[in-house]
Amino acid sequence: MLVSDRPDGGFRPLVNKAVAPEGWMCLDGTLYIDKDGHLWLIYARKWIEVMVGEVYAQRLSEDLIHTAGAPIFLFKGSDAERAELITTGRRMGIVTNAPFIYTPDSDKLLLLWSSFRPNGEYVIGAAVSHTESLHGPCGSSSSRCTSSRKNLSS
């Protein structure tokens, strides 16, 4: 987490430690505030560590300094139709990048994320929760997140 007195720069770490689980290679953390006012960090676990990238939600304390509970697994890249196995050098895997929660109206919650195809094409996936909850249930969009249409957290 970075903080600043100005929106245009001078950012510094809020604390000198990672918020994601120790030892995990995580990236692209974004803040989400649920309908009950709880703070969440939504982040990707790097595919180069786990081969198939994963997306998690981690509850945060009100001061954003500590986590509140264990990370909640949302999905892995192989759950999506549009994300595919890529090869970079000697590594193979499925990328999950830039997870972001968007609430277009009061009836649904979208979790947007991105990946790649073997031809270098950049693709965006979306999981739709019709309950405004990270816990789903989740339906599909044109770029569905889970082929089995399970809850976001299953």
N, C-alpha and C. Protein backbone atom coordinates (compact mmCIF):
# COMPACT_ATOMS: atom_id res chain seq x y z
N MET A 1 0.84 -1.17 0.00
CA MET A 1 0.00 0.00 0.00
C MET A 1 0.89 1.24 0.00
N LEU A 2 0.56 2.15 -0.87
CA LEU A 2 1.29 3.41 -0.95
C LEU A 2 0.35 4.55 -0.56
N VAL A 3 0.91 5.56 0.11
CA VAL A 3 0.13 6.73 0.52
C VAL A 3 0.87 7.99 0.10
N SER A 4 0.11 9.08 0.00
CA SER A 4 0.69 10.37 -0.35
C SER A 4 -0.22 11.46 0.19
N ASP A 5 0.36 12.63 0.40
CA ASP A 5 -0.43 13.79 0.81
C ASP A 5 -1.08 14.46 -0.39
N ARG A 6 -0.63 14.07 -1.59
CA ARG A 6 -1.13 14.66 -2.83
C ARG A 6 -1.47 13.55 -3.82
N PRO A 7 -2.50 13.71 -4.63
CA PRO A 7 -2.86 12.66 -5.59
C PRO A 7 -1.88 12.55 -6.76
N ASP A 8 -1.02 13.56 -6.94
CA ASP A 8 -0.11 13.54 -8.09
C ASP A 8 1.30 13.08 -7.75
N GLY A 9 1.51 12.54 -6.58
CA GLY A 9 2.84 11.97 -6.33
C GLY A 9 3.35 12.13 -4.92
N GLY A 10 4.61 11.72 -4.77
CA GLY A 10 5.22 11.68 -3.46
C GLY A 10 4.76 10.48 -2.66
N PHE A 11 4.51 9.36 -3.35
CA PHE A 11 4.00 8.17 -2.67
C PHE A 11 5.08 7.47 -1.87
N ARG A 12 4.68 6.91 -0.73
CA ARG A 12 5.58 6.15 0.15
C ARG A 12 4.80 4.96 0.71
N PRO A 13 5.51 3.91 1.10
CA PRO A 13 4.81 2.74 1.66
C PRO A 13 4.09 3.08 2.96
N LEU A 14 2.87 2.58 3.11
CA LEU A 14 2.12 2.76 4.35
C LEU A 14 2.80 1.99 5.47
N VAL A 15 3.23 0.77 5.19
CA VAL A 15 4.01 -0.06 6.12
C VAL A 15 5.11 -0.72 5.30
N ASN A 16 6.15 -1.15 5.96
CA ASN A 16 7.28 -1.75 5.26
C ASN A 16 7.18 -3.28 5.26
N LYS A 17 6.04 -3.79 4.78
CA LYS A 17 5.85 -5.23 4.66
C LYS A 17 4.71 -5.48 3.68
N ALA A 18 4.72 -6.66 3.13
CA ALA A 18 3.66 -7.05 2.19
C ALA A 18 2.37 -7.35 2.95
N VAL A 19 1.25 -7.07 2.33
CA VAL A 19 -0.05 -7.40 2.92
C VAL A 19 -0.47 -8.80 2.52
N ALA A 20 -0.09 -9.23 1.31
CA ALA A 20 -0.40 -10.58 0.85
C ALA A 20 0.41 -11.59 1.68
N PRO A 21 0.01 -12.86 1.65
CA PRO A 21 0.71 -13.88 2.45
C PRO A 21 2.22 -13.90 2.20
N GLU A 22 2.97 -14.04 3.27
CA GLU A 22 4.43 -14.08 3.19
C GLU A 22 4.88 -15.25 2.32
N GLY A 23 5.81 -14.98 1.42
CA GLY A 23 6.34 -16.01 0.55
C GLY A 23 5.60 -16.17 -0.76
N TRP A 24 4.44 -15.54 -0.91
CA TRP A 24 3.69 -15.61 -2.15
C TRP A 24 4.17 -14.52 -3.11
N MET A 25 4.21 -14.83 -4.38
CA MET A 25 4.51 -13.84 -5.42
C MET A 25 3.17 -13.28 -5.91
N CYS A 26 2.82 -12.09 -5.44
CA CYS A 26 1.52 -11.51 -5.78
C CYS A 26 1.72 -10.18 -6.49
N LEU A 27 0.72 -9.79 -7.27
CA LEU A 27 0.80 -8.53 -7.99
C LEU A 27 -0.58 -7.96 -8.23
N ASP A 28 -0.59 -6.71 -8.64
CA ASP A 28 -1.80 -6.02 -9.10
C ASP A 28 -2.90 -5.95 -8.06
N GLY A 29 -2.53 -5.67 -6.82
CA GLY A 29 -3.53 -5.54 -5.77
C GLY A 29 -4.39 -4.31 -5.97
N THR A 30 -5.70 -4.47 -5.82
CA THR A 30 -6.63 -3.35 -5.89
C THR A 30 -7.55 -3.38 -4.68
N LEU A 31 -7.92 -2.20 -4.23
CA LEU A 31 -8.79 -2.06 -3.08
C LEU A 31 -10.25 -2.18 -3.51
N TYR A 32 -11.02 -2.93 -2.73
CA TYR A 32 -12.46 -3.05 -2.96
C TYR A 32 -13.15 -2.84 -1.61
N ILE A 33 -14.19 -2.01 -1.61
CA ILE A 33 -14.99 -1.78 -0.41
C ILE A 33 -16.36 -2.38 -0.67
N ASP A 34 -16.73 -3.41 0.10
CA ASP A 34 -18.00 -4.09 -0.15
C ASP A 34 -19.18 -3.28 0.37
N LYS A 35 -20.39 -3.77 0.13
CA LYS A 35 -21.61 -3.03 0.49
C LYS A 35 -21.77 -2.82 1.98
N ASP A 36 -21.04 -3.61 2.80
CA ASP A 36 -21.08 -3.46 4.25
C ASP A 36 -19.95 -2.57 4.76
N GLY A 37 -19.15 -2.03 3.84
CA GLY A 37 -18.05 -1.14 4.22
C GLY A 37 -16.75 -1.85 4.57
N HIS A 38 -16.68 -3.17 4.37
CA HIS A 38 -15.45 -3.91 4.65
C HIS A 38 -14.44 -3.66 3.54
N LEU A 39 -13.18 -3.55 3.92
CA LEU A 39 -12.09 -3.30 2.98
C LEU A 39 -11.48 -4.63 2.56
N TRP A 40 -11.23 -4.77 1.26
CA TRP A 40 -10.65 -5.98 0.70
C TRP A 40 -9.51 -5.62 -0.24
N LEU A 41 -8.50 -6.45 -0.27
CA LEU A 41 -7.46 -6.38 -1.29
C LEU A 41 -7.71 -7.54 -2.25
N ILE A 42 -7.91 -7.22 -3.52
CA ILE A 42 -8.08 -8.24 -4.56
C ILE A 42 -6.76 -8.30 -5.31
N TYR A 43 -6.15 -9.49 -5.44
CA TYR A 43 -4.83 -9.59 -6.07
C TYR A 43 -4.65 -10.90 -6.82
N ALA A 44 -3.66 -10.90 -7.68
CA ALA A 44 -3.32 -12.10 -8.46
C ALA A 44 -2.07 -12.74 -7.86
N ARG A 45 -2.06 -14.06 -7.83
CA ARG A 45 -0.86 -14.81 -7.46
C ARG A 45 -0.19 -15.20 -8.77
N LYS A 46 1.09 -14.86 -8.88
CA LYS A 46 1.79 -14.97 -10.16
C LYS A 46 1.87 -16.40 -10.70
N TRP A 47 1.63 -16.50 -11.97
CA TRP A 47 1.66 -17.78 -12.67
C TRP A 47 3.06 -18.39 -12.65
N ILE A 48 4.10 -17.57 -12.59
CA ILE A 48 5.46 -18.15 -12.59
C ILE A 48 5.76 -18.88 -11.28
N GLU A 49 4.95 -18.63 -10.25
CA GLU A 49 5.11 -19.35 -8.98
C GLU A 49 4.23 -20.60 -8.94
N VAL A 50 2.99 -20.50 -9.43
CA VAL A 50 2.03 -21.59 -9.28
C VAL A 50 1.61 -22.22 -10.61
N MET A 51 2.21 -21.83 -11.70
CA MET A 51 1.98 -22.29 -13.06
C MET A 51 0.65 -21.79 -13.64
N VAL A 52 -0.42 -21.94 -12.90
CA VAL A 52 -1.71 -21.39 -13.32
C VAL A 52 -2.04 -20.27 -12.34
N GLY A 53 -2.03 -19.02 -12.84
CA GLY A 53 -2.28 -17.88 -11.98
C GLY A 53 -3.60 -17.99 -11.23
N GLU A 54 -3.65 -17.39 -10.06
CA GLU A 54 -4.82 -17.46 -9.19
C GLU A 54 -5.22 -16.05 -8.77
N VAL A 55 -6.48 -15.87 -8.40
CA VAL A 55 -6.96 -14.59 -7.90
C VAL A 55 -7.55 -14.81 -6.51
N TYR A 56 -7.20 -13.90 -5.60
CA TYR A 56 -7.62 -13.98 -4.20
C TYR A 56 -8.23 -12.68 -3.73
N ALA A 57 -9.04 -12.77 -2.68
CA ALA A 57 -9.53 -11.61 -1.95
C ALA A 57 -8.99 -11.74 -0.53
N GLN A 58 -8.50 -10.65 0.01
CA GLN A 58 -7.94 -10.64 1.37
C GLN A 58 -8.58 -9.49 2.13
N ARG A 59 -9.28 -9.80 3.20
CA ARG A 59 -9.91 -8.76 4.03
C ARG A 59 -8.82 -7.95 4.72
N LEU A 60 -9.02 -6.64 4.80
CA LEU A 60 -8.05 -5.73 5.41
C LEU A 60 -8.64 -5.06 6.64
N SER A 61 -7.74 -4.66 7.55
CA SER A 61 -8.16 -3.87 8.70
C SER A 61 -8.55 -2.47 8.23
N GLU A 62 -9.28 -1.73 9.05
CA GLU A 62 -9.73 -0.40 8.67
C GLU A 62 -8.59 0.57 8.40
N ASP A 63 -7.44 0.34 9.05
CA ASP A 63 -6.29 1.22 8.82
C ASP A 63 -5.42 0.76 7.64
N LEU A 64 -5.84 -0.32 6.97
CA LEU A 64 -5.15 -0.89 5.81
C LEU A 64 -3.77 -1.47 6.12
N ILE A 65 -3.43 -1.61 7.38
CA ILE A 65 -2.09 -2.06 7.76
C ILE A 65 -2.01 -3.58 7.95
N HIS A 66 -3.10 -4.20 8.37
CA HIS A 66 -3.11 -5.63 8.67
C HIS A 66 -4.19 -6.34 7.87
N THR A 67 -4.02 -7.64 7.72
CA THR A 67 -5.08 -8.44 7.12
C THR A 67 -6.03 -8.90 8.23
N ALA A 68 -7.23 -9.24 7.85
CA ALA A 68 -8.24 -9.74 8.79
C ALA A 68 -8.71 -11.09 8.27
N GLY A 69 -8.06 -12.14 8.69
CA GLY A 69 -8.42 -13.47 8.23
C GLY A 69 -7.54 -13.95 7.09
N ALA A 70 -7.81 -15.17 6.69
CA ALA A 70 -7.03 -15.82 5.63
C ALA A 70 -7.47 -15.33 4.26
N PRO A 71 -6.60 -15.46 3.25
CA PRO A 71 -7.01 -15.10 1.90
C PRO A 71 -8.12 -16.03 1.41
N ILE A 72 -9.01 -15.50 0.59
CA ILE A 72 -10.10 -16.29 0.02
C ILE A 72 -9.78 -16.53 -1.45
N PHE A 73 -9.65 -17.79 -1.81
CA PHE A 73 -9.40 -18.15 -3.20
C PHE A 73 -10.65 -17.86 -4.01
N LEU A 74 -10.50 -17.11 -5.11
CA LEU A 74 -11.64 -16.81 -5.97
C LEU A 74 -11.67 -17.71 -7.20
N PHE A 75 -10.58 -17.78 -7.94
CA PHE A 75 -10.52 -18.65 -9.11
C PHE A 75 -9.10 -18.72 -9.62
N LYS A 76 -8.86 -19.64 -10.56
CA LYS A 76 -7.56 -19.72 -11.23
C LYS A 76 -7.78 -19.53 -12.73
N GLY A 77 -6.73 -19.14 -13.41
CA GLY A 77 -6.81 -18.82 -14.82
C GLY A 77 -7.37 -19.94 -15.67
N SER A 78 -7.14 -21.18 -15.31
CA SER A 78 -7.62 -22.30 -16.11
C SER A 78 -9.14 -22.47 -16.02
N ASP A 79 -9.80 -21.75 -15.10
CA ASP A 79 -11.25 -21.80 -15.01
C ASP A 79 -11.93 -21.05 -16.15
N ALA A 80 -11.17 -20.24 -16.87
CA ALA A 80 -11.75 -19.40 -17.92
C ALA A 80 -11.55 -20.01 -19.29
N GLU A 81 -12.51 -19.74 -20.17
CA GLU A 81 -12.40 -20.22 -21.54
C GLU A 81 -11.35 -19.45 -22.33
N ARG A 82 -11.23 -18.16 -22.10
CA ARG A 82 -10.41 -17.32 -22.95
C ARG A 82 -8.94 -17.28 -22.56
N ALA A 83 -8.61 -17.61 -21.33
CA ALA A 83 -7.21 -17.66 -20.91
C ALA A 83 -6.62 -19.00 -21.36
N GLU A 84 -5.42 -18.96 -21.91
CA GLU A 84 -4.80 -20.17 -22.43
C GLU A 84 -3.36 -20.31 -21.96
N LEU A 85 -2.86 -21.52 -22.03
CA LEU A 85 -1.49 -21.82 -21.66
C LEU A 85 -0.53 -21.09 -22.59
N ILE A 86 0.43 -20.38 -22.00
CA ILE A 86 1.45 -19.69 -22.80
C ILE A 86 2.82 -20.22 -22.42
N THR A 87 3.79 -20.01 -23.28
CA THR A 87 5.17 -20.38 -23.02
C THR A 87 6.04 -19.15 -23.17
N THR A 88 6.85 -18.88 -22.15
CA THR A 88 7.80 -17.78 -22.17
C THR A 88 9.14 -18.35 -21.73
N GLY A 89 10.10 -18.41 -22.64
CA GLY A 89 11.37 -19.05 -22.30
C GLY A 89 11.13 -20.50 -21.96
N ARG A 90 11.53 -20.89 -20.75
CA ARG A 90 11.32 -22.27 -20.29
C ARG A 90 10.06 -22.45 -19.46
N ARG A 91 9.34 -21.39 -19.23
CA ARG A 91 8.15 -21.44 -18.38
C ARG A 91 6.87 -21.56 -19.19
N MET A 92 5.96 -22.38 -18.66
CA MET A 92 4.62 -22.51 -19.23
C MET A 92 3.62 -22.22 -18.13
N GLY A 93 2.52 -21.61 -18.50
CA GLY A 93 1.49 -21.36 -17.50
C GLY A 93 0.35 -20.54 -18.05
N ILE A 94 -0.57 -20.21 -17.16
CA ILE A 94 -1.71 -19.37 -17.50
C ILE A 94 -1.65 -18.13 -16.61
N VAL A 95 -1.67 -16.97 -17.25
CA VAL A 95 -1.52 -15.69 -16.57
C VAL A 95 -2.86 -15.22 -16.01
N THR A 96 -2.84 -14.68 -14.80
CA THR A 96 -3.95 -13.91 -14.25
C THR A 96 -3.37 -12.58 -13.80
N ASN A 97 -3.82 -11.50 -14.42
CA ASN A 97 -3.34 -10.16 -14.10
C ASN A 97 -4.48 -9.21 -13.82
N ALA A 98 -4.16 -8.17 -13.08
CA ALA A 98 -5.00 -6.99 -12.89
C ALA A 98 -6.44 -7.26 -12.49
N PRO A 99 -6.69 -8.07 -11.44
CA PRO A 99 -8.07 -8.25 -11.01
C PRO A 99 -8.62 -6.95 -10.44
N PHE A 100 -9.84 -6.64 -10.77
CA PHE A 100 -10.46 -5.38 -10.37
C PHE A 100 -11.96 -5.58 -10.21
N ILE A 101 -12.52 -5.09 -9.12
CA ILE A 101 -13.96 -5.19 -8.88
C ILE A 101 -14.64 -3.94 -9.42
N TYR A 102 -15.72 -4.14 -10.13
CA TYR A 102 -16.52 -3.04 -10.66
C TYR A 102 -17.99 -3.33 -10.36
N THR A 103 -18.71 -2.35 -9.87
CA THR A 103 -20.13 -2.53 -9.59
C THR A 103 -20.93 -1.59 -10.50
N PRO A 104 -21.42 -2.10 -11.63
CA PRO A 104 -22.11 -1.26 -12.59
C PRO A 104 -23.49 -0.79 -12.12
N ASP A 105 -24.12 -1.53 -11.23
CA ASP A 105 -25.41 -1.14 -10.67
C ASP A 105 -25.57 -1.85 -9.32
N SER A 106 -26.70 -1.68 -8.70
CA SER A 106 -26.88 -2.23 -7.36
C SER A 106 -27.20 -3.72 -7.35
N ASP A 107 -27.29 -4.34 -8.51
CA ASP A 107 -27.68 -5.74 -8.56
C ASP A 107 -26.54 -6.70 -8.82
N LYS A 108 -25.37 -6.20 -9.22
CA LYS A 108 -24.30 -7.13 -9.55
C LYS A 108 -22.92 -6.57 -9.25
N LEU A 109 -21.99 -7.48 -9.18
CA LEU A 109 -20.59 -7.17 -8.93
C LEU A 109 -19.79 -7.86 -10.04
N LEU A 110 -18.92 -7.14 -10.71
CA LEU A 110 -18.08 -7.72 -11.75
C LEU A 110 -16.65 -7.79 -11.27
N LEU A 111 -16.01 -8.91 -11.47
CA LEU A 111 -14.58 -9.03 -11.22
C LEU A 111 -13.92 -9.15 -12.59
N LEU A 112 -13.22 -8.10 -13.00
CA LEU A 112 -12.53 -8.08 -14.29
C LEU A 112 -11.08 -8.48 -14.08
N TRP A 113 -10.51 -9.16 -15.05
CA TRP A 113 -9.10 -9.56 -14.97
C TRP A 113 -8.61 -9.82 -16.38
N SER A 114 -7.29 -9.97 -16.52
CA SER A 114 -6.73 -10.14 -17.86
C SER A 114 -5.77 -11.32 -17.92
N SER A 115 -5.51 -11.75 -19.16
CA SER A 115 -4.62 -12.88 -19.40
C SER A 115 -4.08 -12.77 -20.83
N PHE A 116 -3.42 -13.81 -21.28
CA PHE A 116 -2.86 -13.86 -22.61
C PHE A 116 -3.22 -15.17 -23.29
N ARG A 117 -3.13 -15.15 -24.61
CA ARG A 117 -3.25 -16.35 -25.42
C ARG A 117 -1.87 -16.64 -26.01
N PRO A 118 -1.63 -17.86 -26.49
CA PRO A 118 -0.31 -18.21 -27.03
C PRO A 118 0.15 -17.32 -28.18
N ASN A 119 -0.78 -16.73 -28.92
CA ASN A 119 -0.40 -15.86 -30.04
C ASN A 119 -0.08 -14.44 -29.59
N GLY A 120 -0.05 -14.20 -28.28
CA GLY A 120 0.28 -12.89 -27.73
C GLY A 120 -0.93 -12.00 -27.52
N GLU A 121 -2.10 -12.46 -27.92
CA GLU A 121 -3.32 -11.69 -27.77
C GLU A 121 -3.62 -11.48 -26.28
N TYR A 122 -3.96 -10.27 -25.91
CA TYR A 122 -4.33 -9.90 -24.54
C TYR A 122 -5.84 -10.05 -24.42
N VAL A 123 -6.31 -10.77 -23.42
CA VAL A 123 -7.74 -11.00 -23.26
C VAL A 123 -8.20 -10.55 -21.87
N ILE A 124 -9.44 -10.15 -21.79
CA ILE A 124 -10.03 -9.73 -20.52
C ILE A 124 -11.19 -10.65 -20.20
N GLY A 125 -11.22 -11.12 -18.96
CA GLY A 125 -12.29 -11.98 -18.49
C GLY A 125 -13.11 -11.26 -17.44
N ALA A 126 -14.32 -11.74 -17.20
CA ALA A 126 -15.18 -11.16 -16.19
C ALA A 126 -16.01 -12.24 -15.51
N ALA A 127 -16.09 -12.15 -14.20
CA ALA A 127 -17.00 -12.99 -13.43
C ALA A 127 -18.10 -12.07 -12.92
N VAL A 128 -19.33 -12.52 -12.96
CA VAL A 128 -20.46 -11.70 -12.53
C VAL A 128 -21.11 -12.35 -11.32
N SER A 129 -21.17 -11.61 -10.22
CA SER A 129 -21.89 -12.06 -9.04
C SER A 129 -23.17 -11.26 -8.96
N HIS A 130 -24.30 -11.92 -8.97
CA HIS A 130 -25.58 -11.24 -8.96
C HIS A 130 -26.05 -10.93 -7.54
N THR A 131 -25.21 -11.19 -6.54
CA THR A 131 -25.58 -10.92 -5.15
C THR A 131 -24.77 -9.79 -4.55
N GLU A 132 -23.96 -9.10 -5.33
CA GLU A 132 -23.08 -8.04 -4.85
C GLU A 132 -22.09 -8.57 -3.82
N SER A 133 -21.75 -9.85 -3.90
CA SER A 133 -20.86 -10.47 -2.93
C SER A 133 -19.72 -11.20 -3.62
N LEU A 134 -18.55 -11.16 -3.00
CA LEU A 134 -17.43 -11.94 -3.50
C LEU A 134 -17.72 -13.44 -3.47
N HIS A 135 -18.70 -13.83 -2.68
CA HIS A 135 -19.02 -15.23 -2.51
C HIS A 135 -20.04 -15.75 -3.53
N GLY A 136 -20.44 -14.90 -4.46
CA GLY A 136 -21.29 -15.33 -5.56
C GLY A 136 -22.76 -15.39 -5.19
N PRO A 137 -23.60 -16.12 -5.94
CA PRO A 137 -23.16 -16.99 -7.03
C PRO A 137 -22.70 -16.21 -8.26
N CYS A 138 -21.90 -16.90 -9.05
CA CYS A 138 -21.28 -16.28 -10.21
C CYS A 138 -21.88 -16.82 -11.48
N GLY A 139 -22.22 -15.92 -12.38
CA GLY A 139 -22.69 -16.31 -13.70
C GLY A 139 -21.66 -15.89 -14.72
N SER A 140 -21.94 -16.12 -15.99
CA SER A 140 -20.94 -15.80 -17.00
C SER A 140 -21.27 -14.50 -17.70
N SER A 141 -20.24 -13.91 -18.29
CA SER A 141 -20.41 -12.78 -19.19
C SER A 141 -19.83 -13.23 -20.52
N SER A 142 -19.64 -12.31 -21.43
CA SER A 142 -19.10 -12.71 -22.73
C SER A 142 -17.71 -13.32 -22.60
N SER A 143 -16.95 -12.89 -21.61
CA SER A 143 -15.64 -13.48 -21.32
C SER A 143 -15.75 -14.07 -19.92
N ARG A 144 -16.30 -15.25 -19.82
CA ARG A 144 -16.62 -15.73 -18.49
C ARG A 144 -15.39 -16.13 -17.69
N CYS A 145 -15.53 -15.98 -16.40
CA CYS A 145 -14.45 -16.26 -15.46
C CYS A 145 -14.37 -17.74 -15.15
N THR A 146 -15.50 -18.36 -14.89
CA THR A 146 -15.47 -19.77 -14.56
C THR A 146 -16.39 -20.53 -15.52
N SER A 147 -15.84 -21.54 -16.12
CA SER A 147 -16.63 -22.29 -17.07
C SER A 147 -17.73 -23.10 -16.39
N SER A 148 -17.54 -23.38 -15.09
CA SER A 148 -18.55 -24.15 -14.37
C SER A 148 -19.62 -23.27 -13.72
N ARG A 149 -19.47 -21.96 -13.84
CA ARG A 149 -20.40 -21.00 -13.28
C ARG A 149 -20.60 -21.19 -11.79
N LYS A 150 -19.53 -21.46 -11.08
CA LYS A 150 -19.58 -21.63 -9.63
C LYS A 150 -19.51 -20.26 -8.96
N ASN A 151 -19.60 -20.25 -7.63
CA ASN A 151 -19.43 -19.02 -6.87
C ASN A 151 -18.04 -18.47 -7.13
N LEU A 152 -17.88 -17.17 -6.99
CA LEU A 152 -16.56 -16.57 -7.16
C LEU A 152 -15.56 -17.19 -6.20
N SER A 153 -16.01 -17.58 -5.00
CA SER A 153 -15.07 -18.09 -4.01
C SER A 153 -14.94 -19.60 -4.01
N SER A 154 -15.56 -20.30 -4.94
CA SER A 154 -15.45 -21.76 -4.93
C SER A 154 -14.42 -22.24 -5.92
